[in-house]
Amino acid sequence: MSRGRVYILASGKNGTLYVGVTNDLARRVHEHKLGVGSAFTRKYGVHRLVWFEEHDHIMHAIQREKSITRYPRRWKINLITAMNPTWRDLYEDLNK
């Protein structure tokens, strides 16, 4: 079974948030940055990778994504801030 990653994109610090899941995070975030595949992220300029976590199985990642989506906004902001206090775009780190 393939690995999966859950991720959160933001339009800026404390901005609009988007929660997603993928088996190829670098490719998927690149697609968001190009405005491909998600009308929501394209419409609201949500393309800064601010948080992610890896799971051994894609099904676990999908379950986690569904849970995070249901959590209140404040909880998501706290999750992001704990990993990435400055809300820096983590996309560049993926290709190192």
PDB file of N, CA and C in Angstrom:
ATOM      1  N   MET A   1       0.843  -1.183   0.000  1.00  0.00           N
ATOM      2  CA  MET A   1       0.000   0.000   0.000  1.00  0.00           C
ATOM      3  C   MET A   1       0.887   1.245   0.000  1.00  0.00           C
ATOM      4  N   SER A   2       0.445   2.283  -0.658  1.00  0.00           N
ATOM      5  CA  SER A   2       1.267   3.485  -0.788  1.00  0.00           C
ATOM      6  C   SER A   2       1.147   4.387   0.432  1.00  0.00           C
ATOM      7  N   ARG A   3       2.191   5.188   0.621  1.00  0.00           N
ATOM      8  CA  ARG A   3       2.223   6.164   1.704  1.00  0.00           C
ATOM      9  C   ARG A   3       1.342   7.346   1.306  1.00  0.00           C
ATOM     10  N   GLY A   4       0.973   8.151   2.299  1.00  0.00           N
ATOM     11  CA  GLY A   4       0.163   9.330   2.024  1.00  0.00           C
ATOM     12  C   GLY A   4       0.570  10.484   2.906  1.00  0.00           C
ATOM     13  N   ARG A   5       0.282  11.675   2.465  1.00  0.00           N
ATOM     14  CA  ARG A   5       0.552  12.873   3.259  1.00  0.00           C
ATOM     15  C   ARG A   5      -0.706  13.725   3.328  1.00  0.00           C
ATOM     16  N   VAL A   6      -0.948  14.224   4.519  1.00  0.00           N
ATOM     17  CA  VAL A   6      -2.014  15.191   4.748  1.00  0.00           C
ATOM     18  C   VAL A   6      -1.316  16.545   4.798  1.00  0.00           C
ATOM     19  N   TYR A   7      -1.937  17.563   4.234  1.00  0.00           N
ATOM     20  CA  TYR A   7      -1.291  18.866   4.189  1.00  0.00           C
ATOM     21  C   TYR A   7      -2.304  19.987   4.362  1.00  0.00           C
ATOM     22  N   ILE A   8      -1.788  21.133   4.797  1.00  0.00           N
ATOM     23  CA  ILE A   8      -2.610  22.339   4.886  1.00  0.00           C
ATOM     24  C   ILE A   8      -1.913  23.438   4.100  1.00  0.00           C
ATOM     25  N   LEU A   9      -2.676  24.068   3.228  1.00  0.00           N
ATOM     26  CA  LEU A   9      -2.225  25.234   2.485  1.00  0.00           C
ATOM     27  C   LEU A   9      -2.903  26.462   3.080  1.00  0.00           C
ATOM     28  N   ALA A  10      -2.249  27.611   2.963  1.00  0.00           N
ATOM     29  CA  ALA A  10      -2.830  28.863   3.434  1.00  0.00           C
ATOM     30  C   ALA A  10      -2.581  29.952   2.407  1.00  0.00           C
ATOM     31  N   SER A  11      -3.455  30.944   2.393  1.00  0.00           N
ATOM     32  CA  SER A  11      -3.262  32.099   1.518  1.00  0.00           C
ATOM     33  C   SER A  11      -2.235  33.056   2.107  1.00  0.00           C
ATOM     34  N   GLY A  12      -1.999  32.959   3.391  1.00  0.00           N
ATOM     35  CA  GLY A  12      -1.057  33.803   4.117  1.00  0.00           C
ATOM     36  C   GLY A  12      -1.207  33.486   5.594  1.00  0.00           C
ATOM     37  N   LYS A  13      -0.446  34.153   6.433  1.00  0.00           N
ATOM     38  CA  LYS A  13      -0.544  33.890   7.871  1.00  0.00           C
ATOM     39  C   LYS A  13      -1.955  34.197   8.350  1.00  0.00           C
ATOM     40  N   ASN A  14      -2.565  33.206   9.000  1.00  0.00           N
ATOM     41  CA  ASN A  14      -3.943  33.288   9.490  1.00  0.00           C
ATOM     42  C   ASN A  14      -4.960  33.530   8.373  1.00  0.00           C
ATOM     43  N   GLY A  15      -4.591  33.191   7.144  1.00  0.00           N
ATOM     44  CA  GLY A  15      -5.475  33.399   6.003  1.00  0.00           C
ATOM     45  C   GLY A  15      -6.395  32.220   5.760  1.00  0.00           C
ATOM     46  N   THR A  16      -6.912  32.148   4.552  1.00  0.00           N
ATOM     47  CA  THR A  16      -7.786  31.063   4.138  1.00  0.00           C
ATOM     48  C   THR A  16      -7.000  29.752   4.153  1.00  0.00           C
ATOM     49  N   LEU A  17      -7.628  28.689   4.663  1.00  0.00           N
ATOM     50  CA  LEU A  17      -6.970  27.389   4.790  1.00  0.00           C
ATOM     51  C   LEU A  17      -7.612  26.352   3.870  1.00  0.00           C
ATOM     52  N   TYR A  18      -6.789  25.414   3.444  1.00  0.00           N
ATOM     53  CA  TYR A  18      -7.243  24.282   2.631  1.00  0.00           C
ATOM     54  C   TYR A  18      -6.545  23.035   3.143  1.00  0.00           C
ATOM     55  N   VAL A  19      -7.303  21.983   3.418  1.00  0.00           N
ATOM     56  CA  VAL A  19      -6.751  20.712   3.891  1.00  0.00           C
ATOM     57  C   VAL A  19      -6.871  19.698   2.766  1.00  0.00           C
ATOM     58  N   GLY A  20      -5.774  19.002   2.471  1.00  0.00           N
ATOM     59  CA  GLY A  20      -5.783  18.020   1.405  1.00  0.00           C
ATOM     60  C   GLY A  20      -4.996  16.776   1.771  1.00  0.00           C
ATOM     61  N   VAL A  21      -5.055  15.790   0.881  1.00  0.00           N
ATOM     62  CA  VAL A  21      -4.323  14.534   1.055  1.00  0.00           C
ATOM     63  C   VAL A  21      -3.801  14.114  -0.314  1.00  0.00           C
ATOM     64  N   THR A  22      -2.608  13.522  -0.326  1.00  0.00           N
ATOM     65  CA  THR A  22      -1.996  13.102  -1.587  1.00  0.00           C
ATOM     66  C   THR A  22      -0.960  12.017  -1.333  1.00  0.00           C
ATOM     67  N   ASN A  23      -0.575  11.328  -2.390  1.00  0.00           N
ATOM     68  CA  ASN A  23       0.530  10.374  -2.285  1.00  0.00           C
ATOM     69  C   ASN A  23       1.823  10.976  -2.825  1.00  0.00           C
ATOM     70  N   ASP A  24       1.755  12.204  -3.362  1.00  0.00           N
ATOM     71  CA  ASP A  24       2.936  12.890  -3.893  1.00  0.00           C
ATOM     72  C   ASP A  24       2.803  14.378  -3.566  1.00  0.00           C
ATOM     73  N   LEU A  25       3.310  14.767  -2.404  1.00  0.00           N
ATOM     74  CA  LEU A  25       3.100  16.122  -1.901  1.00  0.00           C
ATOM     75  C   LEU A  25       3.745  17.183  -2.788  1.00  0.00           C
ATOM     76  N   ALA A  26       4.973  16.973  -3.226  1.00  0.00           N
ATOM     77  CA  ALA A  26       5.650  17.974  -4.059  1.00  0.00           C
ATOM     78  C   ALA A  26       4.868  18.231  -5.345  1.00  0.00           C
ATOM     79  N   ARG A  27       4.411  17.173  -6.004  1.00  0.00           N
ATOM     80  CA  ARG A  27       3.632  17.320  -7.234  1.00  0.00           C
ATOM     81  C   ARG A  27       2.322  18.051  -6.966  1.00  0.00           C
ATOM     82  N   ARG A  28       1.639  17.654  -5.904  1.00  0.00           N
ATOM     83  CA  ARG A  28       0.316  18.229  -5.629  1.00  0.00           C
ATOM     84  C   ARG A  28       0.408  19.709  -5.270  1.00  0.00           C
ATOM     85  N   VAL A  29       1.372  20.079  -4.443  1.00  0.00           N
ATOM     86  CA  VAL A  29       1.520  21.495  -4.085  1.00  0.00           C
ATOM     87  C   VAL A  29       1.906  22.296  -5.323  1.00  0.00           C
ATOM     88  N   HIS A  30       2.753  21.737  -6.168  1.00  0.00           N
ATOM     89  CA  HIS A  30       3.119  22.405  -7.422  1.00  0.00           C
ATOM     90  C   HIS A  30       1.867  22.657  -8.265  1.00  0.00           C
ATOM     91  N   GLU A  31       0.976  21.673  -8.327  1.00  0.00           N
ATOM     92  CA  GLU A  31      -0.284  21.847  -9.060  1.00  0.00           C
ATOM     93  C   GLU A  31      -1.104  22.986  -8.471  1.00  0.00           C
ATOM     94  N   HIS A  32      -1.178  23.045  -7.143  1.00  0.00           N
ATOM     95  CA  HIS A  32      -1.910  24.141  -6.502  1.00  0.00           C
ATOM     96  C   HIS A  32      -1.285  25.483  -6.887  1.00  0.00           C
ATOM     97  N   LYS A  33       0.029  25.559  -6.865  1.00  0.00           N
ATOM     98  CA  LYS A  33       0.717  26.803  -7.196  1.00  0.00           C
ATOM     99  C   LYS A  33       0.449  27.230  -8.640  1.00  0.00           C
ATOM    100  N   LEU A  34       0.264  26.250  -9.530  1.00  0.00           N
ATOM    101  CA  LEU A  34      -0.051  26.541 -10.931  1.00  0.00           C
ATOM    102  C   LEU A  34      -1.536  26.824 -11.149  1.00  0.00           C
ATOM    103  N   GLY A  35      -2.351  26.591 -10.114  1.00  0.00           N
ATOM    104  CA  GLY A  35      -3.789  26.800 -10.244  1.00  0.00           C
ATOM    105  C   GLY A  35      -4.505  25.660 -10.928  1.00  0.00           C
ATOM    106  N   VAL A  36      -3.922  24.458 -10.847  1.00  0.00           N
ATOM    107  CA  VAL A  36      -4.484  23.281 -11.510  1.00  0.00           C
ATOM    108  C   VAL A  36      -5.121  22.364 -10.479  1.00  0.00           C
ATOM    109  N   GLY A  37      -6.327  21.877 -10.751  1.00  0.00           N
ATOM    110  CA  GLY A  37      -6.896  20.808  -9.950  1.00  0.00           C
ATOM    111  C   GLY A  37      -7.813  21.205  -8.815  1.00  0.00           C
ATOM    112  N   SER A  38      -7.744  22.427  -8.339  1.00  0.00           N
ATOM    113  CA  SER A  38      -8.626  22.836  -7.248  1.00  0.00           C
ATOM    114  C   SER A  38      -9.134  24.257  -7.490  1.00  0.00           C
ATOM    115  N   ALA A  39     -10.409  24.356  -7.788  1.00  0.00           N
ATOM    116  CA  ALA A  39     -10.993  25.677  -8.027  1.00  0.00           C
ATOM    117  C   ALA A  39     -10.939  26.535  -6.762  1.00  0.00           C
ATOM    118  N   PHE A  40     -11.084  25.916  -5.596  1.00  0.00           N
ATOM    119  CA  PHE A  40     -11.066  26.660  -4.338  1.00  0.00           C
ATOM    120  C   PHE A  40      -9.719  27.332  -4.117  1.00  0.00           C
ATOM    121  N   THR A  41      -8.638  26.561  -4.247  1.00  0.00           N
ATOM    122  CA  THR A  41      -7.310  27.147  -4.001  1.00  0.00           C
ATOM    123  C   THR A  41      -6.971  28.188  -5.054  1.00  0.00           C
ATOM    124  N   ARG A  42      -7.408  27.987  -6.268  1.00  0.00           N
ATOM    125  CA  ARG A  42      -7.186  28.974  -7.340  1.00  0.00           C
ATOM    126  C   ARG A  42      -7.958  30.258  -7.051  1.00  0.00           C
ATOM    127  N   LYS A  43      -9.221  30.127  -6.679  1.00  0.00           N
ATOM    128  CA  LYS A  43     -10.073  31.291  -6.435  1.00  0.00           C
ATOM    129  C   LYS A  43      -9.577  32.142  -5.269  1.00  0.00           C
ATOM    130  N   TYR A  44      -9.109  31.489  -4.198  1.00  0.00           N
ATOM    131  CA  TYR A  44      -8.738  32.214  -2.984  1.00  0.00           C
ATOM    132  C   TYR A  44      -7.220  32.380  -2.799  1.00  0.00           C
ATOM    133  N   GLY A  45      -6.439  32.007  -3.794  1.00  0.00           N
ATOM    134  CA  GLY A  45      -4.994  32.184  -3.715  1.00  0.00           C
ATOM    135  C   GLY A  45      -4.342  31.390  -2.598  1.00  0.00           C
ATOM    136  N   VAL A  46      -4.834  30.189  -2.386  1.00  0.00           N
ATOM    137  CA  VAL A  46      -4.343  29.341  -1.299  1.00  0.00           C
ATOM    138  C   VAL A  46      -3.290  28.398  -1.886  1.00  0.00           C
ATOM    139  N   HIS A  47      -2.017  28.737  -1.738  1.00  0.00           N
ATOM    140  CA  HIS A  47      -0.967  27.911  -2.339  1.00  0.00           C
ATOM    141  C   HIS A  47       0.309  27.837  -1.497  1.00  0.00           C
ATOM    142  N   ARG A  48       0.281  28.336  -0.264  1.00  0.00           N
ATOM    143  CA  ARG A  48       1.445  28.271   0.619  1.00  0.00           C
ATOM    144  C   ARG A  48       1.338  27.025   1.501  1.00  0.00           C
ATOM    145  N   LEU A  49       2.267  26.082   1.348  1.00  0.00           N
ATOM    146  CA  LEU A  49       2.286  24.873   2.172  1.00  0.00           C
ATOM    147  C   LEU A  49       2.781  25.246   3.561  1.00  0.00           C
ATOM    148  N   VAL A  50       1.900  25.136   4.562  1.00  0.00           N
ATOM    149  CA  VAL A  50       2.269  25.570   5.920  1.00  0.00           C
ATOM    150  C   VAL A  50       2.331  24.421   6.926  1.00  0.00           C
ATOM    151  N   TRP A  51       1.825  23.249   6.552  1.00  0.00           N
ATOM    152  CA  TRP A  51       1.833  22.103   7.473  1.00  0.00           C
ATOM    153  C   TRP A  51       1.633  20.830   6.670  1.00  0.00           C
ATOM    154  N   PHE A  52       2.281  19.746   7.120  1.00  0.00           N
ATOM    155  CA  PHE A  52       2.014  18.431   6.538  1.00  0.00           C
ATOM    156  C   PHE A  52       2.481  17.347   7.498  1.00  0.00           C
ATOM    157  N   GLU A  53       1.942  16.149   7.304  1.00  0.00           N
ATOM    158  CA  GLU A  53       2.401  14.977   8.045  1.00  0.00           C
ATOM    159  C   GLU A  53       2.293  13.768   7.134  1.00  0.00           C
ATOM    160  N   GLU A  54       3.190  12.818   7.338  1.00  0.00           N
ATOM    161  CA  GLU A  54       3.245  11.621   6.511  1.00  0.00           C
ATOM    162  C   GLU A  54       2.638  10.441   7.243  1.00  0.00           C
ATOM    163  N   HIS A  55       1.988   9.575   6.472  1.00  0.00           N
ATOM    164  CA  HIS A  55       1.388   8.352   7.009  1.00  0.00           C
ATOM    165  C   HIS A  55       1.874   7.165   6.191  1.00  0.00           C
ATOM    166  N   ASP A  56       2.025   6.026   6.845  1.00  0.00           N
ATOM    167  CA  ASP A  56       2.513   4.825   6.170  1.00  0.00           C
ATOM    168  C   ASP A  56       1.537   4.301   5.117  1.00  0.00           C
ATOM    169  N   HIS A  57       0.263   4.549   5.321  1.00  0.00           N
ATOM    170  CA  HIS A  57      -0.748   4.063   4.383  1.00  0.00           C
ATOM    171  C   HIS A  57      -1.658   5.212   3.970  1.00  0.00           C
ATOM    172  N   ILE A  58      -1.981   5.269   2.703  1.00  0.00           N
ATOM    173  CA  ILE A  58      -2.819   6.343   2.176  1.00  0.00           C
ATOM    174  C   ILE A  58      -4.184   6.371   2.868  1.00  0.00           C
ATOM    175  N   MET A  59      -4.706   5.225   3.248  1.00  0.00           N
ATOM    176  CA  MET A  59      -6.014   5.188   3.910  1.00  0.00           C
ATOM    177  C   MET A  59      -5.964   5.898   5.263  1.00  0.00           C
ATOM    178  N   HIS A  60      -4.846   5.775   5.983  1.00  0.00           N
ATOM    179  CA  HIS A  60      -4.693   6.499   7.254  1.00  0.00           C
ATOM    180  C   HIS A  60      -4.638   7.998   7.002  1.00  0.00           C
ATOM    181  N   ALA A  61      -3.960   8.389   5.933  1.00  0.00           N
ATOM    182  CA  ALA A  61      -3.876   9.811   5.580  1.00  0.00           C
ATOM    183  C   ALA A  61      -5.259  10.360   5.227  1.00  0.00           C
ATOM    184  N   ILE A  62      -6.037   9.593   4.508  1.00  0.00           N
ATOM    185  CA  ILE A  62      -7.391  10.027   4.138  1.00  0.00           C
ATOM    186  C   ILE A  62      -8.259  10.197   5.385  1.00  0.00           C
ATOM    187  N   GLN A  63      -8.164   9.253   6.311  1.00  0.00           N
ATOM    188  CA  GLN A  63      -8.934   9.355   7.565  1.00  0.00           C
ATOM    189  C   GLN A  63      -8.515  10.589   8.356  1.00  0.00           C
ATOM    190  N   ARG A  64      -7.214  10.844   8.426  1.00  0.00           N
ATOM    191  CA  ARG A  64      -6.705  12.008   9.159  1.00  0.00           C
ATOM    192  C   ARG A  64      -7.171  13.308   8.497  1.00  0.00           C
ATOM    193  N   GLU A  65      -7.140  13.353   7.178  1.00  0.00           N
ATOM    194  CA  GLU A  65      -7.594  14.545   6.446  1.00  0.00           C
ATOM    195  C   GLU A  65      -9.064  14.830   6.749  1.00  0.00           C
ATOM    196  N   LYS A  66      -9.881  13.801   6.786  1.00  0.00           N
ATOM    197  CA  LYS A  66     -11.304  13.977   7.093  1.00  0.00           C
ATOM    198  C   LYS A  66     -11.484  14.507   8.513  1.00  0.00           C
ATOM    199  N   SER A  67     -10.682  14.003   9.450  1.00  0.00           N
ATOM    200  CA  SER A  67     -10.758  14.480  10.839  1.00  0.00           C
ATOM    201  C   SER A  67     -10.353  15.944  10.937  1.00  0.00           C
ATOM    202  N   ILE A  68      -9.212  16.284  10.347  1.00  0.00           N
ATOM    203  CA  ILE A  68      -8.716  17.666  10.418  1.00  0.00           C
ATOM    204  C   ILE A  68      -9.711  18.630   9.789  1.00  0.00           C
ATOM    205  N   THR A  69     -10.317  18.227   8.695  1.00  0.00           N
ATOM    206  CA  THR A  69     -11.299  19.085   8.019  1.00  0.00           C
ATOM    207  C   THR A  69     -12.451  19.431   8.957  1.00  0.00           C
ATOM    208  N   ARG A  70     -12.838  18.505   9.814  1.00  0.00           N
ATOM    209  CA  ARG A  70     -13.964  18.743  10.738  1.00  0.00           C
ATOM    210  C   ARG A  70     -13.581  19.585  11.947  1.00  0.00           C
ATOM    211  N   TYR A  71     -12.284  19.669  12.267  1.00  0.00           N
ATOM    212  CA  TYR A  71     -11.869  20.450  13.436  1.00  0.00           C
ATOM    213  C   TYR A  71     -12.116  21.938  13.206  1.00  0.00           C
ATOM    214  N   PRO A  72     -12.321  22.696  14.289  1.00  0.00           N
ATOM    215  CA  PRO A  72     -12.520  24.143  14.146  1.00  0.00           C
ATOM    216  C   PRO A  72     -11.261  24.833  13.607  1.00  0.00           C
ATOM    217  N   ARG A  73     -11.462  25.970  13.013  1.00  0.00           N
ATOM    218  CA  ARG A  73     -10.371  26.758  12.446  1.00  0.00           C
ATOM    219  C   ARG A  73      -9.270  27.027  13.470  1.00  0.00           C
ATOM    220  N   ARG A  74      -9.633  27.400  14.699  1.00  0.00           N
ATOM    221  CA  ARG A  74      -8.648  27.706  15.743  1.00  0.00           C
ATOM    222  C   ARG A  74      -7.740  26.507  15.989  1.00  0.00           C
ATOM    223  N   TRP A  75      -8.275  25.293  15.983  1.00  0.00           N
ATOM    224  CA  TRP A  75      -7.490  24.087  16.183  1.00  0.00           C
ATOM    225  C   TRP A  75      -6.469  23.932  15.055  1.00  0.00           C
ATOM    226  N   LYS A  76      -6.894  24.175  13.811  1.00  0.00           N
ATOM    227  CA  LYS A  76      -5.995  24.070  12.658  1.00  0.00           C
ATOM    228  C   LYS A  76      -4.883  25.113  12.749  1.00  0.00           C
ATOM    229  N   ILE A  77      -5.232  26.318  13.146  1.00  0.00           N
ATOM    230  CA  ILE A  77      -4.223  27.370  13.295  1.00  0.00           C
ATOM    231  C   ILE A  77      -3.198  26.971  14.353  1.00  0.00           C
ATOM    232  N   ASN A  78      -3.644  26.416  15.464  1.00  0.00           N
ATOM    233  CA  ASN A  78      -2.731  25.952  16.507  1.00  0.00           C
ATOM    234  C   ASN A  78      -1.833  24.822  15.996  1.00  0.00           C
ATOM    235  N   LEU A  79      -2.386  23.916  15.190  1.00  0.00           N
ATOM    236  CA  LEU A  79      -1.616  22.819  14.610  1.00  0.00           C
ATOM    237  C   LEU A  79      -0.505  23.370  13.715  1.00  0.00           C
ATOM    238  N   ILE A  80      -0.850  24.310  12.871  1.00  0.00           N
ATOM    239  CA  ILE A  80       0.133  24.924  11.971  1.00  0.00           C
ATOM    240  C   ILE A  80       1.214  25.647  12.768  1.00  0.00           C
ATOM    241  N   THR A  81       0.793  26.468  13.714  1.00  0.00           N
ATOM    242  CA  THR A  81       1.729  27.282  14.488  1.00  0.00           C
ATOM    243  C   THR A  81       2.694  26.426  15.294  1.00  0.00           C
ATOM    244  N   ALA A  82       2.249  25.274  15.782  1.00  0.00           N
ATOM    245  CA  ALA A  82       3.125  24.376  16.545  1.00  0.00           C
ATOM    246  C   ALA A  82       4.271  23.848  15.677  1.00  0.00           C
ATOM    247  N   MET A  83       4.007  23.573  14.409  1.00  0.00           N
ATOM    248  CA  MET A  83       5.033  23.047  13.503  1.00  0.00           C
ATOM    249  C   MET A  83       5.790  24.159  12.791  1.00  0.00           C
ATOM    250  N   ASN A  84       5.096  25.248  12.486  1.00  0.00           N
ATOM    251  CA  ASN A  84       5.621  26.277  11.599  1.00  0.00           C
ATOM    252  C   ASN A  84       5.187  27.649  12.122  1.00  0.00           C
ATOM    253  N   PRO A  85       5.813  28.142  13.193  1.00  0.00           N
ATOM    254  CA  PRO A  85       5.360  29.371  13.859  1.00  0.00           C
ATOM    255  C   PRO A  85       5.295  30.606  12.961  1.00  0.00           C
ATOM    256  N   THR A  86       6.134  30.666  11.937  1.00  0.00           N
ATOM    257  CA  THR A  86       6.130  31.842  11.051  1.00  0.00           C
ATOM    258  C   THR A  86       5.256  31.647   9.813  1.00  0.00           C
ATOM    259  N   TRP A  87       4.661  30.485   9.673  1.00  0.00           N
ATOM    260  CA  TRP A  87       3.826  30.139   8.523  1.00  0.00           C
ATOM    261  C   TRP A  87       4.619  30.239   7.216  1.00  0.00           C
ATOM    262  N   ARG A  88       5.884  29.861   7.294  1.00  0.00           N
ATOM    263  CA  ARG A  88       6.769  29.860   6.134  1.00  0.00           C
ATOM    264  C   ARG A  88       6.276  28.830   5.118  1.00  0.00           C
ATOM    265  N   ASP A  89       6.454  29.106   3.830  1.00  0.00           N
ATOM    266  CA  ASP A  89       6.089  28.153   2.791  1.00  0.00           C
ATOM    267  C   ASP A  89       7.096  27.007   2.820  1.00  0.00           C
ATOM    268  N   LEU A  90       6.627  25.802   3.138  1.00  0.00           N
ATOM    269  CA  LEU A  90       7.487  24.638   3.303  1.00  0.00           C
ATOM    270  C   LEU A  90       7.749  23.909   1.984  1.00  0.00           C
ATOM    271  N   TYR A  91       7.189  24.401   0.901  1.00  0.00           N
ATOM    272  CA  TYR A  91       7.308  23.729  -0.394  1.00  0.00           C
ATOM    273  C   TYR A  91       8.767  23.557  -0.817  1.00  0.00           C
ATOM    274  N   GLU A  92       9.576  24.590  -0.629  1.00  0.00           N
ATOM    275  CA  GLU A  92      10.981  24.513  -1.033  1.00  0.00           C
ATOM    276  C   GLU A  92      11.725  23.405  -0.288  1.00  0.00           C
ATOM    277  N   ASP A  93      11.325  23.115   0.936  1.00  0.00           N
ATOM    278  CA  ASP A  93      11.971  22.072   1.742  1.00  0.00           C
ATOM    279  C   ASP A  93      11.727  20.671   1.167  1.00  0.00           C
ATOM    280  N   LEU A  94      10.682  20.508   0.398  1.00  0.00           N
ATOM    281  CA  LEU A  94      10.333  19.188  -0.128  1.00  0.00           C
ATOM    282  C   LEU A  94      11.351  18.691  -1.141  1.00  0.00           C
ATOM    283  N   ASN A  95      12.007  19.588  -1.832  1.00  0.00           N
ATOM    284  CA  ASN A  95      12.918  19.203  -2.900  1.00  0.00           C
ATOM    285  C   ASN A  95      14.378  19.187  -2.466  1.00  0.00           C
ATOM    286  N   LYS A  96      14.632  19.247  -1.153  1.00  0.00           N
ATOM    287  CA  LYS A  96      16.006  19.219  -0.643  1.00  0.00           C
ATOM    288  C   LYS A  96      16.426  17.809  -0.322  1.00  0.00           C
TER     289      LYS A  96
END
